[in-house]
Amino acid sequence: MSHRVASTAFSFGLAAIALATVTPAMAQSKIKLSTVQSIGSVVTYIAQDKGYFKAEGLDVDIVMVNSAAQAVALLAQGELQVMEGGVSIGFFNALEKNMPMIMTSDRVSSPIGHKLIVRADLKGKITKVQDLKGKNVGTNAIASVTTYELGKLLRKYGMTLKDVELKQLGFPQMSPAMKNGALDATVNIPPFASAMEEAGDGFTIARVDDDVEPSPMTIASSFINTDWMKKDKEAVRRFFVAYMRATRDYCLAYHNGPNRREVMEIALKNGLERSIEDIDKTEWTGRSMNGAVNMKSVMDQQAFYIELGMVERAVSEDRMYTTEFIDYANNKLGPAPAVNPASKLAGCR
């Protein structure tokens, strides 16, 4: 039996999912969606490559962007109907300006595998978070979630961002900066964090998954344009039936289910990693199998950015997030399938 057949039998035989098929009466809807290059993006490609979007009468154009920040304006303008990306300052500020967008489902939540890594030659000199006072610490962007994570880590140990020198660098540039002494430490993400440690460039002194509350921490989501939502709610519903079906596939593979190879091949085909081996050893990000966002985490991020003066005013939870579409999809798909019982991994359940 092929991986594709095995995956289908496992994922949907167990769940007893009755899926709608395209009928002549179902008008095809065109949707433009943006995503970023990461293992979490494979859910969208699963829905595309396995025909889940097509089965729901959807023609989805997937656009790769460097960051969600550049896609926020496109979503607000209606150039995109769906955006996948980080829960960012840009999102909070767009809502404060009453832009037509809303969060609809979890995309990345604990465990996220983000680590506070210290330069290798400082081993024995920096042994705890408090030892970073006055040191150069890297973040990929001052207005990014890694700055929030660093701020929360420092706060737990009686410090603030003012106690360190923040340096803005892209994740790929952080290892060279550690080697030449430009950085003393950095908050880094998979696969860069593990690669940094494997190369002997640094060592971990704190893990975001262990030390940042509220948990689970939601750092990325799917967002939709609310003008589109009002205009074609049926298309939004069908999109999330396909999307949540693919999310279940991802979570089964995440827990080393029989479809893992198939999902890795989809990730490789769509350029999310360089090889099957890299995908297999990369720490896959967690997410909620039913798509639920931990709004305590999101609201805490908003409060943090307000405190820093990066967001002007708070937006209410109901303006920020709706469960309408994941509720519809999960109800239509039926009970979520059981994950591999031997898996001890947190998340994706």
C-alpha atoms as a PDB file:
ATOM      1  CA  MET A   1       0.000   0.000   0.000  1.00  0.00           C
ATOM      2  CA  SER A   2       1.404   3.418  -0.914  1.00  0.00           C
ATOM      3  CA  HIS A   3       2.000   6.173   1.678  1.00  0.00           C
ATOM      4  CA  ARG A   4      -0.870   8.145   0.116  1.00  0.00           C
ATOM      5  CA  VAL A   5      -3.306   5.231   0.404  1.00  0.00           C
ATOM      6  CA  ALA A   6      -2.122   4.387   3.920  1.00  0.00           C
ATOM      7  CA  SER A   7      -2.485   7.995   5.035  1.00  0.00           C
ATOM      8  CA  THR A   8      -5.963   8.302   3.591  1.00  0.00           C
ATOM      9  CA  ALA A   9      -7.141   5.083   5.185  1.00  0.00           C
ATOM     10  CA  PHE A  10      -5.721   6.053   8.557  1.00  0.00           C
ATOM     11  CA  SER A  11      -6.720   9.701   8.610  1.00  0.00           C
ATOM     12  CA  PHE A  12     -10.195   9.431   7.322  1.00  0.00           C
ATOM     13  CA  GLY A  13     -11.197   5.839   7.966  1.00  0.00           C
ATOM     14  CA  LEU A  14     -10.719   6.336  11.702  1.00  0.00           C
ATOM     15  CA  ALA A  15     -12.387   9.704  11.700  1.00  0.00           C
ATOM     16  CA  ALA A  16     -15.250   8.496   9.480  1.00  0.00           C
ATOM     17  CA  ILE A  17     -15.230  11.840   7.724  1.00  0.00           C
ATOM     18  CA  ALA A  18     -17.977  12.434   5.210  1.00  0.00           C
ATOM     19  CA  LEU A  19     -16.606  14.983   2.769  1.00  0.00           C
ATOM     20  CA  ALA A  20     -18.545  17.068   0.311  1.00  0.00           C
ATOM     21  CA  THR A  21     -17.653  16.690  -3.362  1.00  0.00           C
ATOM     22  CA  VAL A  22     -17.879  19.264  -6.072  1.00  0.00           C
ATOM     23  CA  THR A  23     -21.237  19.167  -7.782  1.00  0.00           C
ATOM     24  CA  PRO A  24     -22.397  21.053 -10.853  1.00  0.00           C
ATOM     25  CA  ALA A  25     -24.391  23.342  -8.544  1.00  0.00           C
ATOM     26  CA  MET A  26     -21.279  24.353  -6.544  1.00  0.00           C
ATOM     27  CA  ALA A  27     -19.790  27.493  -8.013  1.00  0.00           C
ATOM     28  CA  GLN A  28     -15.987  27.540  -7.937  1.00  0.00           C
ATOM     29  CA  SER A  29     -14.572  30.262  -5.703  1.00  0.00           C
ATOM     30  CA  LYS A  30     -11.175  31.865  -6.299  1.00  0.00           C
ATOM     31  CA  ILE A  31      -9.096  32.566  -3.211  1.00  0.00           C
ATOM     32  CA  LYS A  32      -5.679  34.196  -2.919  1.00  0.00           C
ATOM     33  CA  LEU A  33      -3.702  33.179   0.157  1.00  0.00           C
ATOM     34  CA  SER A  34      -0.273  34.199   1.447  1.00  0.00           C
ATOM     35  CA  THR A  35       1.996  32.078   3.602  1.00  0.00           C
ATOM     36  CA  VAL A  36       5.599  32.092   4.817  1.00  0.00           C
ATOM     37  CA  GLN A  37       8.309  29.484   4.366  1.00  0.00           C
ATOM     38  CA  SER A  38       8.130  27.143   7.342  1.00  0.00           C
ATOM     39  CA  ILE A  39       7.117  23.585   8.154  1.00  0.00           C
ATOM     40  CA  GLY A  40       3.792  24.931   9.456  1.00  0.00           C
ATOM     41  CA  SER A  41       2.950  26.064   5.915  1.00  0.00           C
ATOM     42  CA  VAL A  42       2.752  22.451   4.779  1.00  0.00           C
ATOM     43  CA  VAL A  43      -0.886  22.325   5.951  1.00  0.00           C
ATOM     44  CA  THR A  44      -1.879  24.654   3.116  1.00  0.00           C
ATOM     45  CA  TYR A  45       0.068  22.599   0.594  1.00  0.00           C
ATOM     46  CA  ILE A  46      -1.521  19.391   1.889  1.00  0.00           C
ATOM     47  CA  ALA A  47      -4.937  20.916   1.212  1.00  0.00           C
ATOM     48  CA  GLN A  48      -3.771  21.954  -2.257  1.00  0.00           C
ATOM     49  CA  ASP A  49      -1.820  18.868  -3.331  1.00  0.00           C
ATOM     50  CA  LYS A  50      -4.274  16.304  -1.977  1.00  0.00           C
ATOM     51  CA  GLY A  51      -7.211  18.023  -3.616  1.00  0.00           C
ATOM     52  CA  TYR A  52      -9.009  19.138  -0.451  1.00  0.00           C
ATOM     53  CA  PHE A  53      -9.518  22.680  -1.775  1.00  0.00           C
ATOM     54  CA  LYS A  54     -10.695  21.326  -5.111  1.00  0.00           C
ATOM     55  CA  ALA A  55     -13.147  18.991  -3.375  1.00  0.00           C
ATOM     56  CA  GLU A  56     -14.705  22.061  -1.777  1.00  0.00           C
ATOM     57  CA  GLY A  57     -15.017  23.918  -5.080  1.00  0.00           C
ATOM     58  CA  LEU A  58     -12.086  26.251  -4.384  1.00  0.00           C
ATOM     59  CA  ASP A  59      -9.371  27.537  -6.688  1.00  0.00           C
ATOM     60  CA  VAL A  60      -6.645  28.633  -4.253  1.00  0.00           C
ATOM     61  CA  ASP A  61      -3.636  30.664  -5.383  1.00  0.00           C
ATOM     62  CA  ILE A  62      -0.854  30.312  -2.781  1.00  0.00           C
ATOM     63  CA  VAL A  63       1.641  33.196  -2.622  1.00  0.00           C
ATOM     64  CA  MET A  64       4.871  32.891  -0.613  1.00  0.00           C
ATOM     65  CA  VAL A  65       5.921  36.050   1.281  1.00  0.00           C
ATOM     66  CA  ASN A  66       8.940  36.817   3.464  1.00  0.00           C
ATOM     67  CA  SER A  67       6.856  37.798   6.471  1.00  0.00           C
ATOM     68  CA  ALA A  68       3.259  38.322   7.499  1.00  0.00           C
ATOM     69  CA  ALA A  69       4.062  42.020   8.038  1.00  0.00           C
ATOM     70  CA  GLN A  70       4.223  42.605   4.279  1.00  0.00           C
ATOM     71  CA  ALA A  71       0.942  40.720   3.754  1.00  0.00           C
ATOM     72  CA  VAL A  72      -1.146  42.616   6.335  1.00  0.00           C
ATOM     73  CA  ALA A  73      -1.715  45.563   3.996  1.00  0.00           C
ATOM     74  CA  LEU A  74      -2.629  43.243   1.107  1.00  0.00           C
ATOM     75  CA  LEU A  75      -5.167  41.443   3.285  1.00  0.00           C
ATOM     76  CA  ALA A  76      -6.641  44.748   4.467  1.00  0.00           C
ATOM     77  CA  GLN A  77      -6.945  45.959   0.869  1.00  0.00           C
ATOM     78  CA  GLY A  78      -8.666  42.760  -0.258  1.00  0.00           C
ATOM     79  CA  GLU A  79      -5.755  41.733  -2.500  1.00  0.00           C
ATOM     80  CA  LEU A  80      -5.622  38.607  -0.326  1.00  0.00           C
ATOM     81  CA  GLN A  81      -8.582  36.736   1.121  1.00  0.00           C
ATOM     82  CA  VAL A  82      -6.507  34.650   3.558  1.00  0.00           C
ATOM     83  CA  MET A  83      -3.176  35.342   5.245  1.00  0.00           C
ATOM     84  CA  GLU A  84      -1.079  32.896   7.251  1.00  0.00           C
ATOM     85  CA  GLY A  85       1.480  34.449   9.534  1.00  0.00           C
ATOM     86  CA  GLY A  86       2.595  35.663  12.905  1.00  0.00           C
ATOM     87  CA  VAL A  87       0.455  37.347  15.514  1.00  0.00           C
ATOM     88  CA  SER A  88       2.231  40.652  15.013  1.00  0.00           C
ATOM     89  CA  ILE A  89       2.238  44.297  15.979  1.00  0.00           C
ATOM     90  CA  GLY A  90       1.064  44.969  12.428  1.00  0.00           C
ATOM     91  CA  PHE A  91      -2.059  42.908  13.044  1.00  0.00           C
ATOM     92  CA  PHE A  92      -2.886  44.676  16.321  1.00  0.00           C
ATOM     93  CA  ASN A  93      -2.332  48.096  14.764  1.00  0.00           C
ATOM     94  CA  ALA A  94      -4.439  47.190  11.719  1.00  0.00           C
ATOM     95  CA  LEU A  95      -7.319  46.205  13.974  1.00  0.00           C
ATOM     96  CA  GLU A  96      -6.930  49.401  15.990  1.00  0.00           C
ATOM     97  CA  LYS A  97      -7.378  51.271  12.691  1.00  0.00           C
ATOM     98  CA  ASN A  98     -10.473  49.144  11.999  1.00  0.00           C
ATOM     99  CA  MET A  99      -8.962  47.360   8.994  1.00  0.00           C
ATOM    100  CA  PRO A 100     -11.188  44.525   7.643  1.00  0.00           C
ATOM    101  CA  MET A 101      -9.462  41.431   9.019  1.00  0.00           C
ATOM    102  CA  ILE A 102      -9.904  38.857  11.763  1.00  0.00           C
ATOM    103  CA  MET A 103      -8.065  35.852  13.169  1.00  0.00           C
ATOM    104  CA  THR A 104      -9.756  32.550  12.384  1.00  0.00           C
ATOM    105  CA  SER A 105      -7.567  29.584  13.390  1.00  0.00           C
ATOM    106  CA  ASP A 106      -4.349  28.544  15.066  1.00  0.00           C
ATOM    107  CA  ARG A 107      -1.329  28.000  12.824  1.00  0.00           C
ATOM    108  CA  VAL A 108       1.579  27.720  15.276  1.00  0.00           C
ATOM    109  CA  SER A 109       1.318  27.221  19.029  1.00  0.00           C
ATOM    110  CA  SER A 110       3.326  25.518  21.764  1.00  0.00           C
ATOM    111  CA  PRO A 111       5.572  23.669  21.459  1.00  0.00           C
ATOM    112  CA  ILE A 112       7.319  26.111  19.146  1.00  0.00           C
ATOM    113  CA  GLY A 113      10.958  25.130  19.801  1.00  0.00           C
ATOM    114  CA  HIS A 114      12.230  28.697  20.266  1.00  0.00           C
ATOM    115  CA  LYS A 115      15.358  28.933  22.438  1.00  0.00           C
ATOM    116  CA  LEU A 116      17.537  31.535  24.114  1.00  0.00           C
ATOM    117  CA  ILE A 117      21.018  30.551  22.947  1.00  0.00           C
ATOM    118  CA  VAL A 118      24.309  31.952  24.267  1.00  0.00           C
ATOM    119  CA  ARG A 119      27.575  32.181  22.309  1.00  0.00           C
ATOM    120  CA  ALA A 120      29.745  29.099  22.760  1.00  0.00           C
ATOM    121  CA  ASP A 121      32.841  30.851  24.144  1.00  0.00           C
ATOM    122  CA  LEU A 122      30.749  32.331  26.965  1.00  0.00           C
ATOM    123  CA  LYS A 123      30.077  28.907  28.474  1.00  0.00           C
ATOM    124  CA  GLY A 124      30.822  29.102  32.198  1.00  0.00           C
ATOM    125  CA  LYS A 125      30.617  32.904  32.117  1.00  0.00           C
ATOM    126  CA  ILE A 126      26.908  33.098  31.306  1.00  0.00           C
ATOM    127  CA  THR A 127      25.029  30.367  33.132  1.00  0.00           C
ATOM    128  CA  LYS A 128      21.632  31.975  33.696  1.00  0.00           C
ATOM    129  CA  VAL A 129      19.338  34.537  32.092  1.00  0.00           C
ATOM    130  CA  GLN A 130      20.331  37.231  34.625  1.00  0.00           C
ATOM    131  CA  ASP A 131      23.925  37.063  33.335  1.00  0.00           C
ATOM    132  CA  LEU A 132      22.780  38.642  30.054  1.00  0.00           C
ATOM    133  CA  LYS A 133      22.543  42.096  31.626  1.00  0.00           C
ATOM    134  CA  GLY A 134      24.297  44.583  29.334  1.00  0.00           C
ATOM    135  CA  LYS A 135      24.917  41.943  26.651  1.00  0.00           C
ATOM    136  CA  ASN A 136      24.115  42.070  22.930  1.00  0.00           C
ATOM    137  CA  VAL A 137      21.063  39.898  22.268  1.00  0.00           C
ATOM    138  CA  GLY A 138      19.688  39.195  18.802  1.00  0.00           C
ATOM    139  CA  THR A 139      16.086  39.337  17.617  1.00  0.00           C
ATOM    140  CA  ASN A 140      14.904  38.945  14.015  1.00  0.00           C
ATOM    141  CA  ALA A 141      12.893  42.190  14.254  1.00  0.00           C
ATOM    142  CA  ILE A 142      12.273  44.648  17.077  1.00  0.00           C
ATOM    143  CA  ALA A 143       8.526  44.419  16.449  1.00  0.00           C
ATOM    144  CA  SER A 144       8.495  40.603  16.193  1.00  0.00           C
ATOM    145  CA  VAL A 145       7.274  37.798  18.409  1.00  0.00           C
ATOM    146  CA  THR A 146      10.866  36.926  19.355  1.00  0.00           C
ATOM    147  CA  THR A 147      11.135  40.331  21.051  1.00  0.00           C
ATOM    148  CA  TYR A 148       7.986  39.479  23.015  1.00  0.00           C
ATOM    149  CA  GLU A 149       9.500  36.114  23.933  1.00  0.00           C
ATOM    150  CA  LEU A 150      12.764  37.683  25.055  1.00  0.00           C
ATOM    151  CA  GLY A 151      10.898  40.321  27.057  1.00  0.00           C
ATOM    152  CA  LYS A 152       8.857  37.644  28.820  1.00  0.00           C
ATOM    153  CA  LEU A 153      11.944  35.538  29.548  1.00  0.00           C
ATOM    154  CA  LEU A 154      13.777  38.521  31.004  1.00  0.00           C
ATOM    155  CA  ARG A 155      10.743  39.546  33.068  1.00  0.00           C
ATOM    156  CA  LYS A 156      10.536  36.087  34.623  1.00  0.00           C
ATOM    157  CA  TYR A 157      14.063  36.574  35.950  1.00  0.00           C
ATOM    158  CA  GLY A 158      13.593  40.144  37.184  1.00  0.00           C
ATOM    159  CA  MET A 159      14.841  41.992  34.109  1.00  0.00           C
ATOM    160  CA  THR A 160      13.430  43.971  31.176  1.00  0.00           C
ATOM    161  CA  LEU A 161      14.427  44.605  27.572  1.00  0.00           C
ATOM    162  CA  LYS A 162      16.198  47.758  28.792  1.00  0.00           C
ATOM    163  CA  ASP A 163      18.711  45.527  30.569  1.00  0.00           C
ATOM    164  CA  VAL A 164      20.109  44.163  27.289  1.00  0.00           C
ATOM    165  CA  GLU A 165      21.285  45.645  23.978  1.00  0.00           C
ATOM    166  CA  LEU A 166      18.841  44.473  21.304  1.00  0.00           C
ATOM    167  CA  LYS A 167      20.393  43.756  17.897  1.00  0.00           C
ATOM    168  CA  GLN A 168      18.191  43.123  14.866  1.00  0.00           C
ATOM    169  CA  LEU A 169      19.369  40.326  12.561  1.00  0.00           C
ATOM    170  CA  GLY A 170      17.753  37.748  10.291  1.00  0.00           C
ATOM    171  CA  PHE A 171      17.791  34.197  11.631  1.00  0.00           C
ATOM    172  CA  PRO A 172      20.336  32.942   9.038  1.00  0.00           C
ATOM    173  CA  GLN A 173      22.748  35.743  10.027  1.00  0.00           C
ATOM    174  CA  MET A 174      22.674  34.967  13.735  1.00  0.00           C
ATOM    175  CA  SER A 175      25.181  32.093  13.683  1.00  0.00           C
ATOM    176  CA  PRO A 176      27.884  34.138  11.895  1.00  0.00           C
ATOM    177  CA  ALA A 177      27.219  37.006  14.320  1.00  0.00           C
ATOM    178  CA  MET A 178      27.735  34.643  17.262  1.00  0.00           C
ATOM    179  CA  LYS A 179      30.973  33.349  15.738  1.00  0.00           C
ATOM    180  CA  ASN A 180      32.472  36.818  15.233  1.00  0.00           C
ATOM    181  CA  GLY A 181      31.380  38.067  18.654  1.00  0.00           C
ATOM    182  CA  ALA A 182      28.802  40.601  17.434  1.00  0.00           C
ATOM    183  CA  LEU A 183      26.125  38.777  19.443  1.00  0.00           C
ATOM    184  CA  ASP A 184      26.376  37.354  22.930  1.00  0.00           C
ATOM    185  CA  ALA A 185      23.018  35.582  22.746  1.00  0.00           C
ATOM    186  CA  THR A 186      19.931  35.281  20.578  1.00  0.00           C
ATOM    187  CA  VAL A 187      16.359  34.054  20.588  1.00  0.00           C
ATOM    188  CA  ASN A 188      16.333  31.572  17.736  1.00  0.00           C
ATOM    189  CA  ILE A 189      13.835  29.265  16.051  1.00  0.00           C
ATOM    190  CA  PRO A 190      13.864  25.859  14.294  1.00  0.00           C
ATOM    191  CA  PRO A 191      15.742  24.828  12.243  1.00  0.00           C
ATOM    192  CA  PHE A 192      18.318  27.564  12.956  1.00  0.00           C
ATOM    193  CA  ALA A 193      18.432  26.955  16.721  1.00  0.00           C
ATOM    194  CA  SER A 194      19.316  23.265  16.471  1.00  0.00           C
ATOM    195  CA  ALA A 195      21.778  23.932  13.635  1.00  0.00           C
ATOM    196  CA  MET A 196      23.514  26.550  15.791  1.00  0.00           C
ATOM    197  CA  GLU A 197      23.917  24.082  18.644  1.00  0.00           C
ATOM    198  CA  GLU A 198      24.982  21.213  16.390  1.00  0.00           C
ATOM    199  CA  ALA A 199      27.677  23.432  14.857  1.00  0.00           C
ATOM    200  CA  GLY A 200      28.971  24.268  18.336  1.00  0.00           C
ATOM    201  CA  ASP A 201      28.207  27.976  17.950  1.00  0.00           C
ATOM    202  CA  GLY A 202      26.063  28.234  21.062  1.00  0.00           C
ATOM    203  CA  PHE A 203      24.241  26.573  23.945  1.00  0.00           C
ATOM    204  CA  THR A 204      20.704  26.905  25.304  1.00  0.00           C
ATOM    205  CA  ILE A 205      20.060  28.579  28.655  1.00  0.00           C
ATOM    206  CA  ALA A 206      16.253  28.950  28.410  1.00  0.00           C
ATOM    207  CA  ARG A 207      13.377  27.588  26.352  1.00  0.00           C
ATOM    208  CA  VAL A 208      10.367  29.678  25.444  1.00  0.00           C
ATOM    209  CA  ASP A 209       8.097  26.620  25.725  1.00  0.00           C
ATOM    210  CA  ASP A 210       9.170  26.169  29.359  1.00  0.00           C
ATOM    211  CA  ASP A 211       9.337  29.752  30.567  1.00  0.00           C
ATOM    212  CA  VAL A 212       6.799  31.944  28.748  1.00  0.00           C
ATOM    213  CA  GLU A 213       3.236  32.179  30.030  1.00  0.00           C
ATOM    214  CA  PRO A 214       0.340  32.104  29.164  1.00  0.00           C
ATOM    215  CA  SER A 215       0.732  28.694  27.600  1.00  0.00           C
ATOM    216  CA  PRO A 216       0.129  27.277  25.062  1.00  0.00           C
ATOM    217  CA  MET A 217       1.594  30.277  23.334  1.00  0.00           C
ATOM    218  CA  THR A 218      -0.035  31.098  19.990  1.00  0.00           C
ATOM    219  CA  ILE A 219       2.442  32.860  17.717  1.00  0.00           C
ATOM    220  CA  ALA A 220       0.878  32.418  14.271  1.00  0.00           C
ATOM    221  CA  SER A 221      -2.603  32.157  12.894  1.00  0.00           C
ATOM    222  CA  SER A 222      -4.764  32.229   9.791  1.00  0.00           C
ATOM    223  CA  PHE A 223      -6.432  35.581   9.141  1.00  0.00           C
ATOM    224  CA  ILE A 224      -9.200  36.429   6.686  1.00  0.00           C
ATOM    225  CA  ASN A 225     -10.478  39.605   5.080  1.00  0.00           C
ATOM    226  CA  THR A 226     -13.825  40.378   6.713  1.00  0.00           C
ATOM    227  CA  ASP A 227     -15.232  42.103   3.616  1.00  0.00           C
ATOM    228  CA  TRP A 228     -14.772  38.786   1.791  1.00  0.00           C
ATOM    229  CA  MET A 229     -16.318  36.987   4.767  1.00  0.00           C
ATOM    230  CA  LYS A 230     -19.460  39.131   4.557  1.00  0.00           C
ATOM    231  CA  LYS A 231     -19.659  38.788   0.783  1.00  0.00           C
ATOM    232  CA  ASP A 232     -19.125  35.005   0.496  1.00  0.00           C
ATOM    233  CA  LYS A 233     -19.476  33.258   3.848  1.00  0.00           C
ATOM    234  CA  GLU A 234     -20.124  29.919   2.152  1.00  0.00           C
ATOM    235  CA  ALA A 235     -16.712  30.046   0.453  1.00  0.00           C
ATOM    236  CA  VAL A 236     -15.060  30.809   3.803  1.00  0.00           C
ATOM    237  CA  ARG A 237     -16.792  27.807   5.338  1.00  0.00           C
ATOM    238  CA  ARG A 238     -15.679  25.526   2.521  1.00  0.00           C
ATOM    239  CA  PHE A 239     -12.119  26.858   2.797  1.00  0.00           C
ATOM    240  CA  PHE A 240     -11.929  25.900   6.443  1.00  0.00           C
ATOM    241  CA  VAL A 241     -13.383  22.439   5.860  1.00  0.00           C
ATOM    242  CA  ALA A 242     -10.449  21.795   3.518  1.00  0.00           C
ATOM    243  CA  TYR A 243      -7.958  23.563   5.789  1.00  0.00           C
ATOM    244  CA  MET A 244      -8.964  21.706   8.942  1.00  0.00           C
ATOM    245  CA  ARG A 245      -8.922  18.406   7.043  1.00  0.00           C
ATOM    246  CA  ALA A 246      -5.280  19.157   6.118  1.00  0.00           C
ATOM    247  CA  THR A 247      -4.533  20.208   9.715  1.00  0.00           C
ATOM    248  CA  ARG A 248      -5.575  16.745  10.863  1.00  0.00           C
ATOM    249  CA  ASP A 249      -3.173  15.204   8.337  1.00  0.00           C
ATOM    250  CA  TYR A 250      -0.352  17.397   9.662  1.00  0.00           C
ATOM    251  CA  CYS A 251      -1.037  16.470  13.270  1.00  0.00           C
ATOM    252  CA  LEU A 252      -1.094  12.753  12.496  1.00  0.00           C
ATOM    253  CA  ALA A 253       2.271  13.114  10.730  1.00  0.00           C
ATOM    254  CA  TYR A 254       3.612  15.324  13.552  1.00  0.00           C
ATOM    255  CA  HIS A 255       3.032  12.400  15.928  1.00  0.00           C
ATOM    256  CA  ASN A 256       4.858  10.006  13.575  1.00  0.00           C
ATOM    257  CA  GLY A 257       1.706   8.542  12.077  1.00  0.00           C
ATOM    258  CA  PRO A 258       1.771   6.380   8.925  1.00  0.00           C
ATOM    259  CA  ASN A 259       1.329   9.465   6.712  1.00  0.00           C
ATOM    260  CA  ARG A 260       4.523  11.197   7.918  1.00  0.00           C
ATOM    261  CA  ARG A 261       6.519  10.353   4.785  1.00  0.00           C
ATOM    262  CA  GLU A 262       3.726  11.644   2.563  1.00  0.00           C
ATOM    263  CA  VAL A 263       3.551  14.962   4.421  1.00  0.00           C
ATOM    264  CA  MET A 264       7.342  15.337   4.297  1.00  0.00           C
ATOM    265  CA  GLU A 265       7.272  14.750   0.537  1.00  0.00           C
ATOM    266  CA  ILE A 266       4.650  17.485   0.146  1.00  0.00           C
ATOM    267  CA  ALA A 267       6.835  19.858   2.194  1.00  0.00           C
ATOM    268  CA  LEU A 268       9.878  19.019   0.065  1.00  0.00           C
ATOM    269  CA  LYS A 269       7.981  19.363  -3.222  1.00  0.00           C
ATOM    270  CA  ASN A 270       6.860  22.859  -2.230  1.00  0.00           C
ATOM    271  CA  GLY A 271      10.286  24.095  -1.167  1.00  0.00           C
ATOM    272  CA  LEU A 272       9.759  24.223   2.605  1.00  0.00           C
ATOM    273  CA  GLU A 273      13.048  22.390   3.274  1.00  0.00           C
ATOM    274  CA  ARG A 274      16.050  21.103   1.333  1.00  0.00           C
ATOM    275  CA  SER A 275      15.702  17.360   1.897  1.00  0.00           C
ATOM    276  CA  ILE A 276      13.501  14.706   3.482  1.00  0.00           C
ATOM    277  CA  GLU A 277      16.245  14.181   6.075  1.00  0.00           C
ATOM    278  CA  ASP A 278      16.183  17.877   7.041  1.00  0.00           C
ATOM    279  CA  ILE A 279      12.398  17.814   7.357  1.00  0.00           C
ATOM    280  CA  ASP A 280      12.449  14.675   9.460  1.00  0.00           C
ATOM    281  CA  LYS A 281      15.004  15.987  11.955  1.00  0.00           C
ATOM    282  CA  THR A 282      13.575  19.523  12.115  1.00  0.00           C
ATOM    283  CA  GLU A 283      11.513  20.244  15.213  1.00  0.00           C
ATOM    284  CA  TRP A 284       7.999  20.562  13.804  1.00  0.00           C
ATOM    285  CA  THR A 285       5.947  23.348  15.339  1.00  0.00           C
ATOM    286  CA  GLY A 286       2.861  22.460  17.318  1.00  0.00           C
ATOM    287  CA  ARG A 287      -0.659  23.634  16.644  1.00  0.00           C
ATOM    288  CA  SER A 288      -4.173  22.859  17.808  1.00  0.00           C
ATOM    289  CA  MET A 289      -5.770  20.024  15.841  1.00  0.00           C
ATOM    290  CA  ASN A 290      -9.168  21.683  16.172  1.00  0.00           C
ATOM    291  CA  GLY A 291      -7.761  25.100  15.205  1.00  0.00           C
ATOM    292  CA  ALA A 292      -8.490  26.797  18.535  1.00  0.00           C
ATOM    293  CA  VAL A 293      -6.388  29.861  19.380  1.00  0.00           C
ATOM    294  CA  ASN A 294      -5.326  30.469  22.995  1.00  0.00           C
ATOM    295  CA  MET A 295      -6.596  34.016  23.294  1.00  0.00           C
ATOM    296  CA  LYS A 296      -5.005  34.486  26.723  1.00  0.00           C
ATOM    297  CA  SER A 297      -1.664  34.248  24.929  1.00  0.00           C
ATOM    298  CA  VAL A 298      -2.703  36.619  22.131  1.00  0.00           C
ATOM    299  CA  MET A 299      -4.143  39.196  24.532  1.00  0.00           C
ATOM    300  CA  ASP A 300      -0.948  39.047  26.599  1.00  0.00           C
ATOM    301  CA  GLN A 301       1.088  39.815  23.477  1.00  0.00           C
ATOM    302  CA  GLN A 302      -1.126  42.804  22.726  1.00  0.00           C
ATOM    303  CA  ALA A 303      -0.686  44.081  26.307  1.00  0.00           C
ATOM    304  CA  PHE A 304       3.089  43.675  26.032  1.00  0.00           C
ATOM    305  CA  TYR A 305       3.256  45.749  22.833  1.00  0.00           C
ATOM    306  CA  ILE A 306       1.008  48.435  24.347  1.00  0.00           C
ATOM    307  CA  GLU A 307       3.375  48.614  27.318  1.00  0.00           C
ATOM    308  CA  LEU A 308       6.315  49.136  24.924  1.00  0.00           C
ATOM    309  CA  GLY A 309       4.398  51.855  23.063  1.00  0.00           C
ATOM    310  CA  MET A 310       4.322  49.849  19.817  1.00  0.00           C
ATOM    311  CA  VAL A 311       0.525  49.468  19.863  1.00  0.00           C
ATOM    312  CA  GLU A 312      -1.597  52.472  20.806  1.00  0.00           C
ATOM    313  CA  ARG A 313      -4.846  50.999  22.112  1.00  0.00           C
ATOM    314  CA  ALA A 314      -6.231  47.591  23.046  1.00  0.00           C
ATOM    315  CA  VAL A 315      -8.702  45.821  20.768  1.00  0.00           C
ATOM    316  CA  SER A 316     -11.343  43.526  22.246  1.00  0.00           C
ATOM    317  CA  GLU A 317     -11.106  39.761  21.857  1.00  0.00           C
ATOM    318  CA  ASP A 318     -14.316  39.482  19.838  1.00  0.00           C
ATOM    319  CA  ARG A 319     -12.992  42.012  17.308  1.00  0.00           C
ATOM    320  CA  MET A 320      -9.755  40.056  17.073  1.00  0.00           C
ATOM    321  CA  TYR A 321     -10.921  36.444  16.735  1.00  0.00           C
ATOM    322  CA  THR A 322     -13.837  34.306  15.596  1.00  0.00           C
ATOM    323  CA  THR A 323     -14.314  30.553  16.002  1.00  0.00           C
ATOM    324  CA  GLU A 324     -17.269  30.483  13.593  1.00  0.00           C
ATOM    325  CA  PHE A 325     -15.439  28.802  10.729  1.00  0.00           C
ATOM    326  CA  ILE A 326     -13.355  26.236  12.596  1.00  0.00           C
ATOM    327  CA  ASP A 327     -16.494  25.299  14.542  1.00  0.00           C
ATOM    328  CA  TYR A 328     -18.355  24.788  11.269  1.00  0.00           C
ATOM    329  CA  ALA A 329     -15.498  22.750   9.774  1.00  0.00           C
ATOM    330  CA  ASN A 330     -14.955  20.529  12.808  1.00  0.00           C
ATOM    331  CA  ASN A 331     -18.668  19.849  13.059  1.00  0.00           C
ATOM    332  CA  LYS A 332     -18.763  18.829   9.393  1.00  0.00           C
ATOM    333  CA  LEU A 333     -15.605  16.710   9.587  1.00  0.00           C
ATOM    334  CA  GLY A 334     -16.660  14.889  12.750  1.00  0.00           C
ATOM    335  CA  PRO A 335     -14.479  13.750  15.662  1.00  0.00           C
ATOM    336  CA  ALA A 336     -10.745  14.317  15.289  1.00  0.00           C
ATOM    337  CA  PRO A 337      -8.714  11.159  14.606  1.00  0.00           C
ATOM    338  CA  ALA A 338      -6.599   9.666  17.385  1.00  0.00           C
ATOM    339  CA  VAL A 339      -2.865  10.330  17.113  1.00  0.00           C
ATOM    340  CA  ASN A 340      -0.174   7.682  17.399  1.00  0.00           C
ATOM    341  CA  PRO A 341      -0.595   6.414  21.000  1.00  0.00           C
ATOM    342  CA  ALA A 342       3.168   5.882  21.318  1.00  0.00           C
ATOM    343  CA  SER A 343       3.874   9.585  20.749  1.00  0.00           C
ATOM    344  CA  LYS A 344       4.884  11.584  23.799  1.00  0.00           C
ATOM    345  CA  LEU A 345       5.021  14.882  21.910  1.00  0.00           C
ATOM    346  CA  ALA A 346       3.024  17.781  23.277  1.00  0.00           C
ATOM    347  CA  GLY A 347       0.802  19.799  20.968  1.00  0.00           C
ATOM    348  CA  CYS A 348      -1.141  18.957  17.822  1.00  0.00           C
ATOM    349  CA  ARG A 349      -3.872  17.090  19.683  1.00  0.00           C
END
